[in-house]
Protein backbone atom coordinates (compact mmCIF):
# COMPACT_ATOMS: atom_id res chain seq x y z
CA MET A 1 60.05 -53.58 -47.92
CA ARG A 2 62.85 -56.04 -47.25
CA ARG A 3 62.18 -59.57 -46.08
CA SER A 4 63.57 -58.90 -42.61
CA GLU A 5 61.27 -55.89 -42.15
CA LEU A 6 58.30 -57.89 -43.40
CA ALA A 7 59.09 -60.70 -40.95
CA ILE A 8 59.23 -58.21 -38.07
CA TRP A 9 55.75 -56.95 -38.93
CA LEU A 10 54.19 -60.34 -39.64
CA ALA A 11 55.56 -62.23 -36.61
CA PRO A 12 53.30 -60.55 -34.00
CA ALA A 13 50.24 -60.96 -36.21
CA MET A 14 50.97 -64.66 -36.65
CA LEU A 15 51.44 -65.12 -32.91
CA LEU A 16 48.17 -63.37 -32.09
CA ALA A 17 46.25 -65.38 -34.65
CA GLY A 18 46.83 -68.56 -32.65
CA CYS A 19 45.85 -67.12 -29.26
CA THR A 20 42.34 -68.52 -29.02
CA THR A 21 40.67 -71.68 -30.18
CA ALA A 22 37.08 -71.37 -31.23
CA GLY A 23 34.70 -73.77 -29.57
CA ARG A 24 32.02 -75.46 -31.50
CA VAL A 25 28.69 -76.21 -29.88
CA GLU A 26 28.08 -79.95 -29.85
CA PRO A 27 25.29 -82.16 -28.50
CA ASP A 28 26.10 -83.50 -25.03
CA GLY A 29 24.21 -86.79 -24.99
CA ALA A 30 20.92 -85.88 -23.30
CA ALA A 31 18.23 -84.45 -25.55
CA GLY A 32 18.43 -80.67 -25.69
CA THR A 33 21.75 -80.50 -23.83
CA TYR A 34 24.87 -79.06 -25.46
CA ARG A 35 28.54 -78.46 -24.68
CA VAL A 36 30.97 -75.75 -25.74
CA SER A 37 34.67 -75.40 -24.88
CA GLU A 38 37.03 -72.52 -25.54
CA SER A 39 40.73 -71.92 -24.92
CA ALA A 40 42.70 -68.69 -24.87
CA SER A 41 46.39 -67.97 -24.45
CA PRO A 42 47.65 -65.62 -21.74
CA ILE A 43 48.13 -62.80 -24.26
CA ALA A 44 44.48 -63.17 -25.37
CA GLY A 45 43.14 -63.11 -21.81
CA GLY A 46 43.47 -66.72 -20.63
CA ALA A 47 40.62 -68.48 -18.85
CA LYS A 48 38.54 -65.32 -18.45
CA ALA A 49 38.63 -64.67 -22.19
CA ALA A 50 37.82 -68.32 -22.88
CA GLN A 51 34.78 -67.98 -20.60
CA ARG A 52 33.55 -64.85 -22.39
CA LEU A 53 33.98 -66.55 -25.78
CA ALA A 54 32.15 -69.72 -24.72
CA LEU A 55 29.24 -67.82 -23.19
CA SER A 56 28.97 -65.67 -26.29
CA GLU A 57 28.99 -68.72 -28.57
CA ALA A 58 26.36 -70.51 -26.46
CA ARG A 59 24.12 -67.41 -26.40
CA ARG A 60 24.43 -67.03 -30.17
CA PHE A 61 23.57 -70.73 -30.60
CA CYS A 62 20.45 -70.45 -28.39
CA THR A 63 19.32 -67.16 -29.93
CA ALA A 64 19.45 -68.75 -33.39
CA ARG A 65 16.99 -71.34 -32.04
CA ASP A 66 14.68 -68.72 -30.49
CA GLY A 67 15.76 -69.70 -27.00
CA ALA A 68 17.77 -68.43 -24.08
CA LEU A 69 20.87 -69.89 -22.46
CA ARG A 70 20.54 -72.00 -19.30
CA PRO A 71 23.99 -73.13 -18.07
CA LEU A 72 23.98 -76.54 -16.40
CA ALA A 73 27.67 -76.93 -15.50
CA MET A 74 30.69 -74.68 -15.98
CA GLN A 75 34.37 -75.41 -15.47
CA ARG A 76 37.22 -72.94 -15.88
CA SER A 77 40.90 -73.86 -15.62
CA GLY A 78 44.03 -71.82 -15.92
CA ASP A 79 43.29 -69.24 -13.22
CA THR A 80 46.53 -69.62 -11.24
CA LEU A 81 49.26 -67.02 -11.69
CA ALA A 82 51.57 -69.54 -13.35
CA ALA A 83 48.83 -70.65 -15.73
CA GLU A 84 47.87 -67.06 -16.55
CA LEU A 85 51.48 -66.35 -17.52
CA PHE A 86 52.51 -69.53 -19.30
CA SER A 87 49.61 -71.65 -20.53
CA TYR A 88 46.21 -71.55 -22.18
CA GLY A 89 43.15 -71.05 -20.02
CA THR A 90 40.12 -73.15 -20.80
CA PHE A 91 36.40 -72.96 -20.15
CA THR A 92 33.85 -75.71 -20.74
CA MET A 93 30.12 -75.40 -20.28
CA ARG A 94 27.13 -77.75 -20.53
CA PHE A 95 23.90 -75.91 -21.29
CA GLN A 96 20.38 -75.98 -22.63
CA CYS A 97 18.49 -73.56 -24.84
CA ILE A 98 15.12 -72.83 -23.28
CA THR A 99 12.02 -70.89 -24.15
CA SER A 100 9.98 -69.01 -21.58
CA ALA A 101 7.48 -71.88 -21.54
CA ASP A 102 10.27 -74.35 -20.63
CA SER A 103 11.55 -72.62 -17.54
CA THR A 104 10.69 -71.75 -14.00
CA GLU A 105 14.23 -70.38 -13.58
CA PRO A 106 15.35 -67.24 -15.38
CA PRO A 107 17.77 -67.76 -18.28
CA VAL A 108 21.24 -66.22 -18.17
CA HIS A 109 21.62 -62.98 -20.08
CA GLY A 110 24.74 -61.49 -18.43
CA GLU A 111 28.36 -62.59 -18.50
CA GLY A 112 27.88 -65.36 -15.97
CA THR A 113 30.41 -66.73 -13.54
CA ALA A 114 32.25 -69.97 -13.11
CA SER A 115 34.05 -71.60 -10.29
CA ASN A 116 37.44 -73.19 -10.58
CA ASP A 117 36.38 -76.28 -8.61
């Protein structure tokens, strides 16, 4: 395969590889409170994809600690048409991992929602 043909095949793969940024769960100051942020390019699904990734990461984090996810605050940006077409969408969430003994409110098991406020 010639170099030009190889470049044609590798270029899309290289572009797609940089479409999302993986969020890392970090402590958020208060005991037992954490934060996760994700970003996704328009081609990877923008803010909606970032939200799915962050919720999945938070659930995985809580499950590893024998708990369930309780979102405390969620913020999604990049939902406008211009942002969906030209920039990364982001999603940030503060949360706790709870056990059934910790909660009077049910934990979140579904996809969840976020406002763009």
